[in-house]
Amino acid sequence: MTDEQEERSWPETARLIEVSLDEASLGRDNADVEHERAVAIFDLIEKNNFALEGHEAGGPYNLRLSLADNRLVFSVSDDGDEPLKHVMLSLSPFRRIVKDYFLICDSYYAAIKTQPASKIEAIDMGRRGLHDEGSDLLMERLKGKIAVDIATARRLFTLLCALHWKG
């Protein structure tokens, strides 16, 4: 995280007030993924810093996330649901991180059933490291389009993974 990201002053209106996921983009239902989606959306709404770069009127904003043509689509509207901006990011740079993240999550969920706490903690450290890497990449890819803080980027990365999950 750069000093600029940590020290940025966020106006009170630079925030998301609604987040939705495109149903057509969702993978098949899985209890763990459904839980992650719900928690990430709840946490994101509760506390976030989100601003469209160059949008003078500021927020608050509504966000709809979807997948289209191997791209993550951020459809941002104002609080009256008037469309403001569509930001499309290629998923290619995220492919390795998301794949590795899913693998380590599978290991984590398997480990919590049978492994000792030390093994679970080691796997969880690796999981958090990949999550941080994905969050940093997301912030980098959004730069100049959408400004977010690291906590918001982490929750958005969780939602990217939930959208990308295909079973």
N, C-alpha and C. Protein backbone atom coordinates (compact mmCIF):
# COMPACT_ATOMS: atom_id res chain seq x y z
N MET A 1 0.85 -1.17 0.00
CA MET A 1 0.00 0.00 0.00
C MET A 1 0.90 1.23 0.00
N THR A 2 0.55 2.18 -0.85
CA THR A 2 1.35 3.40 -0.93
C THR A 2 0.89 4.40 0.13
N ASP A 3 1.76 5.37 0.43
CA ASP A 3 1.39 6.41 1.38
C ASP A 3 0.17 7.18 0.90
N GLU A 4 0.07 7.38 -0.42
CA GLU A 4 -1.06 8.10 -1.01
C GLU A 4 -2.37 7.40 -0.69
N GLN A 5 -2.40 6.07 -0.78
CA GLN A 5 -3.62 5.31 -0.50
C GLN A 5 -3.97 5.37 0.98
N GLU A 6 -2.96 5.33 1.84
CA GLU A 6 -3.22 5.32 3.27
C GLU A 6 -3.63 6.69 3.78
N GLU A 7 -3.06 7.75 3.23
CA GLU A 7 -3.28 9.10 3.74
C GLU A 7 -4.43 9.83 3.06
N ARG A 8 -5.02 9.27 2.05
CA ARG A 8 -6.08 9.94 1.32
C ARG A 8 -7.21 10.32 2.26
N SER A 9 -7.71 11.54 2.07
CA SER A 9 -8.86 12.00 2.83
C SER A 9 -10.11 11.68 2.00
N TRP A 10 -11.03 10.95 2.59
CA TRP A 10 -12.22 10.52 1.88
C TRP A 10 -13.42 11.36 2.32
N PRO A 11 -14.09 12.01 1.36
CA PRO A 11 -15.32 12.73 1.71
C PRO A 11 -16.37 11.73 2.21
N GLU A 12 -17.29 12.20 3.02
CA GLU A 12 -18.32 11.34 3.57
C GLU A 12 -19.18 10.67 2.49
N THR A 13 -19.33 11.34 1.35
CA THR A 13 -20.17 10.80 0.28
C THR A 13 -19.44 9.81 -0.63
N ALA A 14 -18.13 9.67 -0.47
CA ALA A 14 -17.34 8.77 -1.31
C ALA A 14 -17.49 7.35 -0.79
N ARG A 15 -18.67 6.80 -1.04
CA ARG A 15 -18.95 5.48 -0.50
C ARG A 15 -20.04 4.77 -1.30
N LEU A 16 -20.05 3.46 -1.15
CA LEU A 16 -21.09 2.64 -1.75
C LEU A 16 -22.24 2.50 -0.75
N ILE A 17 -23.47 2.63 -1.25
CA ILE A 17 -24.63 2.42 -0.39
C ILE A 17 -25.42 1.18 -0.80
N GLU A 18 -25.12 0.67 -1.98
CA GLU A 18 -25.77 -0.56 -2.45
C GLU A 18 -24.79 -1.31 -3.35
N VAL A 19 -24.74 -2.61 -3.17
CA VAL A 19 -23.89 -3.47 -3.99
C VAL A 19 -24.72 -4.68 -4.40
N SER A 20 -24.71 -4.98 -5.69
CA SER A 20 -25.41 -6.17 -6.16
C SER A 20 -24.52 -6.93 -7.13
N LEU A 21 -24.79 -8.21 -7.23
CA LEU A 21 -24.07 -9.08 -8.14
C LEU A 21 -25.02 -9.53 -9.23
N ASP A 22 -24.56 -9.52 -10.45
CA ASP A 22 -25.36 -9.96 -11.59
C ASP A 22 -25.63 -11.45 -11.46
N GLU A 23 -26.89 -11.81 -11.33
CA GLU A 23 -27.27 -13.22 -11.15
C GLU A 23 -26.77 -14.11 -12.29
N ALA A 24 -26.77 -13.58 -13.51
CA ALA A 24 -26.33 -14.37 -14.66
C ALA A 24 -24.83 -14.67 -14.60
N SER A 25 -24.08 -13.87 -13.84
CA SER A 25 -22.64 -14.05 -13.73
C SER A 25 -22.24 -15.02 -12.63
N LEU A 26 -23.18 -15.36 -11.76
CA LEU A 26 -22.84 -16.19 -10.61
C LEU A 26 -22.65 -17.64 -11.01
N GLY A 27 -21.69 -18.28 -10.35
CA GLY A 27 -21.49 -19.71 -10.53
C GLY A 27 -22.57 -20.46 -9.77
N ARG A 28 -22.50 -21.78 -9.83
CA ARG A 28 -23.51 -22.56 -9.11
C ARG A 28 -23.39 -22.31 -7.61
N ASP A 29 -24.48 -22.50 -6.91
CA ASP A 29 -24.51 -22.22 -5.48
C ASP A 29 -23.59 -23.16 -4.71
N ASN A 30 -22.91 -22.61 -3.74
CA ASN A 30 -22.03 -23.34 -2.85
C ASN A 30 -22.15 -22.60 -1.52
N ALA A 31 -22.38 -23.30 -0.43
CA ALA A 31 -22.63 -22.65 0.85
C ALA A 31 -21.48 -21.73 1.27
N ASP A 32 -20.25 -22.17 1.07
CA ASP A 32 -19.10 -21.35 1.46
C ASP A 32 -19.04 -20.07 0.63
N VAL A 33 -19.28 -20.18 -0.67
CA VAL A 33 -19.24 -19.01 -1.56
C VAL A 33 -20.39 -18.07 -1.24
N GLU A 34 -21.58 -18.62 -1.03
CA GLU A 34 -22.75 -17.79 -0.67
C GLU A 34 -22.46 -17.01 0.61
N HIS A 35 -21.85 -17.68 1.57
CA HIS A 35 -21.50 -17.02 2.83
C HIS A 35 -20.49 -15.89 2.59
N GLU A 36 -19.45 -16.18 1.81
CA GLU A 36 -18.44 -15.17 1.50
C GLU A 36 -19.05 -13.97 0.80
N ARG A 37 -19.95 -14.21 -0.16
CA ARG A 37 -20.63 -13.12 -0.86
C ARG A 37 -21.41 -12.25 0.11
N ALA A 38 -22.22 -12.90 0.93
CA ALA A 38 -23.08 -12.16 1.86
C ALA A 38 -22.26 -11.34 2.85
N VAL A 39 -21.22 -11.93 3.40
CA VAL A 39 -20.38 -11.23 4.35
C VAL A 39 -19.65 -10.07 3.68
N ALA A 40 -19.09 -10.31 2.49
CA ALA A 40 -18.36 -9.26 1.79
C ALA A 40 -19.29 -8.08 1.44
N ILE A 41 -20.49 -8.38 0.97
CA ILE A 41 -21.43 -7.30 0.63
C ILE A 41 -21.84 -6.55 1.89
N PHE A 42 -22.17 -7.27 2.96
CA PHE A 42 -22.55 -6.62 4.21
C PHE A 42 -21.42 -5.72 4.71
N ASP A 43 -20.20 -6.28 4.78
CA ASP A 43 -19.06 -5.50 5.26
C ASP A 43 -18.77 -4.31 4.36
N LEU A 44 -18.91 -4.51 3.06
CA LEU A 44 -18.65 -3.45 2.09
C LEU A 44 -19.62 -2.28 2.29
N ILE A 45 -20.89 -2.59 2.47
CA ILE A 45 -21.89 -1.54 2.68
C ILE A 45 -21.65 -0.83 4.02
N GLU A 46 -21.29 -1.59 5.04
CA GLU A 46 -21.08 -1.01 6.37
C GLU A 46 -19.94 -0.01 6.40
N LYS A 47 -18.83 -0.34 5.73
CA LYS A 47 -17.66 0.54 5.76
C LYS A 47 -16.90 0.41 4.46
N ASN A 48 -16.83 1.49 3.72
CA ASN A 48 -16.08 1.48 2.47
C ASN A 48 -15.69 2.90 2.09
N ASN A 49 -14.69 2.99 1.26
CA ASN A 49 -14.28 4.24 0.63
C ASN A 49 -14.20 3.95 -0.85
N PHE A 50 -15.03 4.66 -1.63
CA PHE A 50 -15.20 4.37 -3.04
C PHE A 50 -15.55 5.67 -3.74
N ALA A 51 -14.79 6.01 -4.77
CA ALA A 51 -15.08 7.23 -5.51
C ALA A 51 -14.71 7.06 -6.97
N LEU A 52 -15.57 7.57 -7.85
CA LEU A 52 -15.25 7.60 -9.27
C LEU A 52 -14.25 8.71 -9.49
N GLU A 53 -13.13 8.39 -10.13
CA GLU A 53 -12.13 9.40 -10.43
C GLU A 53 -12.72 10.40 -11.43
N GLY A 54 -12.57 11.68 -11.13
CA GLY A 54 -13.04 12.73 -12.03
C GLY A 54 -14.53 13.02 -11.95
N HIS A 55 -15.23 12.37 -11.05
CA HIS A 55 -16.67 12.61 -10.89
C HIS A 55 -16.86 13.66 -9.80
N GLU A 56 -17.05 14.89 -10.24
CA GLU A 56 -17.10 16.03 -9.32
C GLU A 56 -18.25 15.97 -8.33
N ALA A 57 -19.39 15.44 -8.75
CA ALA A 57 -20.57 15.42 -7.87
C ALA A 57 -20.37 14.48 -6.68
N GLY A 58 -19.46 13.54 -6.80
CA GLY A 58 -19.22 12.60 -5.71
C GLY A 58 -20.34 11.60 -5.56
N GLY A 59 -20.30 10.85 -4.48
CA GLY A 59 -21.28 9.81 -4.23
C GLY A 59 -22.44 10.33 -3.42
N PRO A 60 -23.14 9.43 -2.78
CA PRO A 60 -22.89 8.00 -2.69
C PRO A 60 -23.24 7.26 -3.98
N TYR A 61 -22.75 6.02 -4.06
CA TYR A 61 -22.86 5.23 -5.29
C TYR A 61 -23.55 3.89 -5.05
N ASN A 62 -24.14 3.39 -6.11
CA ASN A 62 -24.60 2.00 -6.19
C ASN A 62 -23.65 1.28 -7.12
N LEU A 63 -23.37 0.02 -6.82
CA LEU A 63 -22.45 -0.76 -7.64
C LEU A 63 -23.08 -2.09 -7.99
N ARG A 64 -23.01 -2.42 -9.27
CA ARG A 64 -23.42 -3.75 -9.74
C ARG A 64 -22.19 -4.38 -10.38
N LEU A 65 -21.82 -5.55 -9.89
CA LEU A 65 -20.67 -6.28 -10.42
C LEU A 65 -21.17 -7.42 -11.29
N SER A 66 -20.49 -7.58 -12.43
CA SER A 66 -20.85 -8.68 -13.32
C SER A 66 -19.61 -9.12 -14.09
N LEU A 67 -19.75 -10.23 -14.79
CA LEU A 67 -18.71 -10.73 -15.68
C LEU A 67 -19.25 -10.69 -17.10
N ALA A 68 -18.43 -10.22 -18.04
CA ALA A 68 -18.81 -10.20 -19.46
C ALA A 68 -17.55 -10.31 -20.30
N ASP A 69 -17.53 -11.28 -21.19
CA ASP A 69 -16.40 -11.44 -22.11
C ASP A 69 -15.05 -11.44 -21.41
N ASN A 70 -14.92 -12.25 -20.36
CA ASN A 70 -13.68 -12.36 -19.59
C ASN A 70 -13.25 -11.02 -18.97
N ARG A 71 -14.24 -10.22 -18.62
CA ARG A 71 -13.98 -8.93 -17.97
C ARG A 71 -14.86 -8.80 -16.73
N LEU A 72 -14.30 -8.14 -15.72
CA LEU A 72 -15.07 -7.78 -14.55
C LEU A 72 -15.65 -6.40 -14.83
N VAL A 73 -16.97 -6.27 -14.70
CA VAL A 73 -17.65 -5.02 -15.03
C VAL A 73 -18.17 -4.37 -13.75
N PHE A 74 -17.73 -3.14 -13.54
CA PHE A 74 -18.22 -2.30 -12.45
C PHE A 74 -19.22 -1.33 -13.08
N SER A 75 -20.50 -1.53 -12.81
CA SER A 75 -21.53 -0.61 -13.29
C SER A 75 -21.90 0.28 -12.11
N VAL A 76 -21.50 1.54 -12.20
CA VAL A 76 -21.68 2.47 -11.09
C VAL A 76 -22.80 3.45 -11.42
N SER A 77 -23.70 3.62 -10.47
CA SER A 77 -24.78 4.59 -10.63
C SER A 77 -24.84 5.46 -9.38
N ASP A 78 -25.58 6.56 -9.48
CA ASP A 78 -25.73 7.41 -8.31
C ASP A 78 -26.82 6.85 -7.40
N ASP A 79 -27.09 7.53 -6.30
CA ASP A 79 -28.06 7.01 -5.34
C ASP A 79 -29.49 7.03 -5.87
N GLY A 80 -29.72 7.71 -7.00
CA GLY A 80 -31.01 7.68 -7.67
C GLY A 80 -31.05 6.63 -8.77
N ASP A 81 -30.01 5.81 -8.86
CA ASP A 81 -29.85 4.73 -9.83
C ASP A 81 -29.65 5.21 -11.26
N GLU A 82 -29.19 6.46 -11.42
CA GLU A 82 -28.82 6.96 -12.74
C GLU A 82 -27.41 6.47 -13.07
N PRO A 83 -27.23 5.80 -14.22
CA PRO A 83 -25.91 5.29 -14.57
C PRO A 83 -24.86 6.41 -14.67
N LEU A 84 -23.69 6.15 -14.10
CA LEU A 84 -22.60 7.12 -14.13
C LEU A 84 -21.42 6.62 -14.96
N LYS A 85 -21.04 5.36 -14.76
CA LYS A 85 -19.84 4.86 -15.42
C LYS A 85 -19.82 3.34 -15.40
N HIS A 86 -19.29 2.78 -16.49
CA HIS A 86 -19.02 1.34 -16.55
C HIS A 86 -17.51 1.21 -16.68
N VAL A 87 -16.93 0.48 -15.78
CA VAL A 87 -15.49 0.21 -15.81
C VAL A 87 -15.33 -1.28 -16.04
N MET A 88 -14.57 -1.61 -17.07
CA MET A 88 -14.33 -3.03 -17.39
C MET A 88 -12.85 -3.34 -17.20
N LEU A 89 -12.59 -4.40 -16.44
CA LEU A 89 -11.22 -4.85 -16.21
C LEU A 89 -11.06 -6.26 -16.74
N SER A 90 -10.00 -6.49 -17.48
CA SER A 90 -9.69 -7.83 -17.94
C SER A 90 -9.45 -8.74 -16.73
N LEU A 91 -9.97 -9.94 -16.80
CA LEU A 91 -9.74 -10.91 -15.73
C LEU A 91 -8.40 -11.64 -15.88
N SER A 92 -7.78 -11.51 -17.04
CA SER A 92 -6.52 -12.23 -17.29
C SER A 92 -5.46 -12.00 -16.21
N PRO A 93 -5.22 -10.75 -15.77
CA PRO A 93 -4.20 -10.56 -14.74
C PRO A 93 -4.56 -11.21 -13.40
N PHE A 94 -5.84 -11.50 -13.18
CA PHE A 94 -6.28 -12.09 -11.92
C PHE A 94 -6.31 -13.62 -11.97
N ARG A 95 -6.19 -14.20 -13.15
CA ARG A 95 -6.40 -15.64 -13.33
C ARG A 95 -5.58 -16.50 -12.37
N ARG A 96 -4.27 -16.26 -12.30
CA ARG A 96 -3.40 -17.08 -11.44
C ARG A 96 -3.75 -16.88 -9.97
N ILE A 97 -3.96 -15.64 -9.55
CA ILE A 97 -4.26 -15.38 -8.13
C ILE A 97 -5.57 -16.03 -7.73
N VAL A 98 -6.60 -15.88 -8.57
CA VAL A 98 -7.90 -16.46 -8.26
C VAL A 98 -7.80 -17.99 -8.20
N LYS A 99 -7.12 -18.58 -9.16
CA LYS A 99 -6.95 -20.04 -9.16
C LYS A 99 -6.24 -20.51 -7.89
N ASP A 100 -5.13 -19.86 -7.56
CA ASP A 100 -4.39 -20.22 -6.35
C ASP A 100 -5.22 -19.97 -5.09
N TYR A 101 -5.99 -18.88 -5.10
CA TYR A 101 -6.84 -18.56 -3.95
C TYR A 101 -7.89 -19.66 -3.74
N PHE A 102 -8.51 -20.12 -4.83
CA PHE A 102 -9.50 -21.19 -4.70
C PHE A 102 -8.86 -22.47 -4.18
N LEU A 103 -7.67 -22.79 -4.67
CA LEU A 103 -6.98 -24.00 -4.21
C LEU A 103 -6.68 -23.93 -2.72
N ILE A 104 -6.19 -22.78 -2.27
CA ILE A 104 -5.84 -22.67 -0.86
C ILE A 104 -7.09 -22.59 0.01
N CYS A 105 -8.17 -22.02 -0.51
CA CYS A 105 -9.44 -22.02 0.24
C CYS A 105 -9.96 -23.44 0.41
N ASP A 106 -9.86 -24.24 -0.65
CA ASP A 106 -10.27 -25.65 -0.55
C ASP A 106 -9.44 -26.37 0.53
N SER A 107 -8.14 -26.11 0.54
CA SER A 107 -7.27 -26.72 1.55
C SER A 107 -7.65 -26.25 2.95
N TYR A 108 -7.96 -24.98 3.06
CA TYR A 108 -8.35 -24.40 4.36
C TYR A 108 -9.63 -25.06 4.87
N TYR A 109 -10.67 -25.13 4.00
CA TYR A 109 -11.94 -25.72 4.43
C TYR A 109 -11.78 -27.20 4.78
N ALA A 110 -10.91 -27.91 4.08
CA ALA A 110 -10.65 -29.31 4.41
C ALA A 110 -9.89 -29.42 5.73
N ALA A 111 -8.94 -28.51 5.94
CA ALA A 111 -8.10 -28.55 7.14
C ALA A 111 -8.89 -28.25 8.41
N ILE A 112 -9.86 -27.35 8.34
CA ILE A 112 -10.58 -27.00 9.56
C ILE A 112 -11.41 -28.17 10.11
N LYS A 113 -11.61 -29.18 9.28
CA LYS A 113 -12.36 -30.35 9.73
C LYS A 113 -11.49 -31.35 10.47
N THR A 114 -10.19 -31.42 10.13
CA THR A 114 -9.38 -32.50 10.69
C THR A 114 -7.99 -32.10 11.18
N GLN A 115 -7.49 -30.96 10.81
CA GLN A 115 -6.10 -30.62 11.11
C GLN A 115 -5.95 -29.84 12.42
N PRO A 116 -4.76 -29.88 13.00
CA PRO A 116 -4.52 -29.11 14.23
C PRO A 116 -4.48 -27.61 13.92
N ALA A 117 -4.66 -26.82 14.95
CA ALA A 117 -4.72 -25.36 14.81
C ALA A 117 -3.49 -24.79 14.10
N SER A 118 -2.31 -25.33 14.38
CA SER A 118 -1.08 -24.80 13.77
C SER A 118 -1.11 -24.95 12.24
N LYS A 119 -1.63 -26.07 11.76
CA LYS A 119 -1.74 -26.31 10.31
C LYS A 119 -2.77 -25.37 9.69
N ILE A 120 -3.89 -25.20 10.37
CA ILE A 120 -4.94 -24.30 9.89
C ILE A 120 -4.43 -22.86 9.82
N GLU A 121 -3.71 -22.44 10.84
CA GLU A 121 -3.16 -21.07 10.86
C GLU A 121 -2.17 -20.85 9.72
N ALA A 122 -1.34 -21.85 9.43
CA ALA A 122 -0.37 -21.73 8.34
C ALA A 122 -1.08 -21.59 6.99
N ILE A 123 -2.09 -22.40 6.79
CA ILE A 123 -2.86 -22.31 5.53
C ILE A 123 -3.56 -20.97 5.45
N ASP A 124 -4.13 -20.52 6.57
CA ASP A 124 -4.85 -19.25 6.59
C ASP A 124 -3.91 -18.07 6.29
N MET A 125 -2.68 -18.14 6.76
CA MET A 125 -1.70 -17.08 6.45
C MET A 125 -1.46 -17.02 4.94
N GLY A 126 -1.32 -18.16 4.31
CA GLY A 126 -1.15 -18.20 2.86
C GLY A 126 -2.37 -17.68 2.14
N ARG A 127 -3.55 -18.03 2.63
CA ARG A 127 -4.81 -17.56 2.05
C ARG A 127 -4.90 -16.04 2.14
N ARG A 128 -4.58 -15.49 3.30
CA ARG A 128 -4.63 -14.03 3.48
C ARG A 128 -3.60 -13.34 2.59
N GLY A 129 -2.43 -13.96 2.43
CA GLY A 129 -1.40 -13.38 1.56
C GLY A 129 -1.88 -13.29 0.11
N LEU A 130 -2.51 -14.35 -0.38
CA LEU A 130 -3.04 -14.31 -1.75
C LEU A 130 -4.18 -13.30 -1.87
N HIS A 131 -4.99 -13.22 -0.83
CA HIS A 131 -6.09 -12.25 -0.83
C HIS A 131 -5.54 -10.83 -0.90
N ASP A 132 -4.48 -10.57 -0.14
CA ASP A 132 -3.84 -9.24 -0.18
C ASP A 132 -3.26 -8.96 -1.56
N GLU A 133 -2.63 -9.96 -2.16
CA GLU A 133 -2.05 -9.80 -3.50
C GLU A 133 -3.15 -9.46 -4.52
N GLY A 134 -4.26 -10.16 -4.44
CA GLY A 134 -5.39 -9.88 -5.34
C GLY A 134 -5.97 -8.50 -5.10
N SER A 135 -6.06 -8.09 -3.85
CA SER A 135 -6.60 -6.77 -3.51
C SER A 135 -5.69 -5.66 -4.04
N ASP A 136 -4.39 -5.84 -3.88
CA ASP A 136 -3.43 -4.85 -4.39
C ASP A 136 -3.52 -4.75 -5.92
N LEU A 137 -3.64 -5.89 -6.59
CA LEU A 137 -3.76 -5.90 -8.04
C LEU A 137 -5.05 -5.19 -8.47
N LEU A 138 -6.13 -5.44 -7.76
CA LEU A 138 -7.40 -4.78 -8.07
C LEU A 138 -7.27 -3.27 -7.93
N MET A 139 -6.66 -2.81 -6.86
CA MET A 139 -6.46 -1.36 -6.67
C MET A 139 -5.63 -0.78 -7.81
N GLU A 140 -4.59 -1.50 -8.19
CA GLU A 140 -3.72 -1.05 -9.29
C GLU A 140 -4.49 -0.95 -10.60
N ARG A 141 -5.31 -1.96 -10.89
CA ARG A 141 -6.07 -1.99 -12.15
C ARG A 141 -7.18 -0.94 -12.18
N LEU A 142 -7.69 -0.55 -11.01
CA LEU A 142 -8.74 0.47 -10.93
C LEU A 142 -8.18 1.89 -10.94
N LYS A 143 -6.88 2.01 -10.72
CA LYS A 143 -6.27 3.33 -10.61
C LYS A 143 -6.61 4.21 -11.82
N GLY A 144 -7.03 5.45 -11.52
CA GLY A 144 -7.41 6.39 -12.55
C GLY A 144 -8.87 6.29 -12.96
N LYS A 145 -9.54 5.23 -12.49
CA LYS A 145 -10.94 5.01 -12.83
C LYS A 145 -11.82 5.09 -11.59
N ILE A 146 -11.45 4.26 -10.61
CA ILE A 146 -12.19 4.19 -9.34
C ILE A 146 -11.16 4.15 -8.21
N ALA A 147 -11.36 5.01 -7.23
CA ALA A 147 -10.47 5.04 -6.07
C ALA A 147 -11.13 4.25 -4.93
N VAL A 148 -10.36 3.36 -4.32
CA VAL A 148 -10.82 2.58 -3.16
C VAL A 148 -9.67 2.49 -2.17
N ASP A 149 -9.99 2.26 -0.91
CA ASP A 149 -8.96 2.00 0.08
C ASP A 149 -8.70 0.49 0.11
N ILE A 150 -7.72 0.06 0.88
CA ILE A 150 -7.34 -1.35 0.88
C ILE A 150 -8.45 -2.24 1.45
N ALA A 151 -9.15 -1.79 2.48
CA ALA A 151 -10.23 -2.60 3.06
C ALA A 151 -11.34 -2.81 2.03
N THR A 152 -11.67 -1.77 1.28
CA THR A 152 -12.68 -1.87 0.24
C THR A 152 -12.20 -2.79 -0.88
N ALA A 153 -10.93 -2.66 -1.26
CA ALA A 153 -10.36 -3.52 -2.30
C ALA A 153 -10.41 -4.98 -1.87
N ARG A 154 -10.16 -5.27 -0.60
CA ARG A 154 -10.21 -6.65 -0.11
C ARG A 154 -11.61 -7.24 -0.28
N ARG A 155 -12.61 -6.47 0.08
CA ARG A 155 -13.99 -6.96 -0.03
C ARG A 155 -14.40 -7.10 -1.49
N LEU A 156 -13.94 -6.18 -2.33
CA LEU A 156 -14.24 -6.29 -3.76
C LEU A 156 -13.55 -7.51 -4.37
N PHE A 157 -12.33 -7.81 -3.92
CA PHE A 157 -11.64 -9.00 -4.41
C PHE A 157 -12.40 -10.26 -4.01
N THR A 158 -12.94 -10.29 -2.80
CA THR A 158 -13.77 -11.42 -2.37
C THR A 158 -14.95 -11.60 -3.32
N LEU A 159 -15.57 -10.48 -3.71
CA LEU A 159 -16.71 -10.55 -4.62
C LEU A 159 -16.27 -10.97 -6.03
N LEU A 160 -15.12 -10.51 -6.46
CA LEU A 160 -14.57 -10.95 -7.76
C LEU A 160 -14.42 -12.47 -7.73
N CYS A 161 -13.88 -13.00 -6.66
CA CYS A 161 -13.71 -14.45 -6.56
C CYS A 161 -15.06 -15.15 -6.54
N ALA A 162 -16.03 -14.58 -5.84
CA ALA A 162 -17.36 -15.19 -5.78
C ALA A 162 -18.02 -15.20 -7.16
N LEU A 163 -17.81 -14.16 -7.94
CA LEU A 163 -18.35 -14.12 -9.30
C LEU A 163 -17.62 -15.11 -10.20
N HIS A 164 -16.33 -15.24 -9.99
CA HIS A 164 -15.48 -16.05 -10.85
C HIS A 164 -15.65 -17.54 -10.57
N TRP A 165 -16.14 -17.87 -9.36
CA TRP A 165 -16.29 -19.26 -8.95
C TRP A 165 -17.29 -19.96 -9.85
N LYS A 166 -16.90 -21.06 -10.43
CA LYS A 166 -17.80 -21.82 -11.30
C LYS A 166 -18.06 -23.22 -10.77
N GLY A 167 -17.95 -23.38 -9.46
CA GLY A 167 -18.32 -24.69 -8.90
C GLY A 167 -17.24 -25.35 -8.17
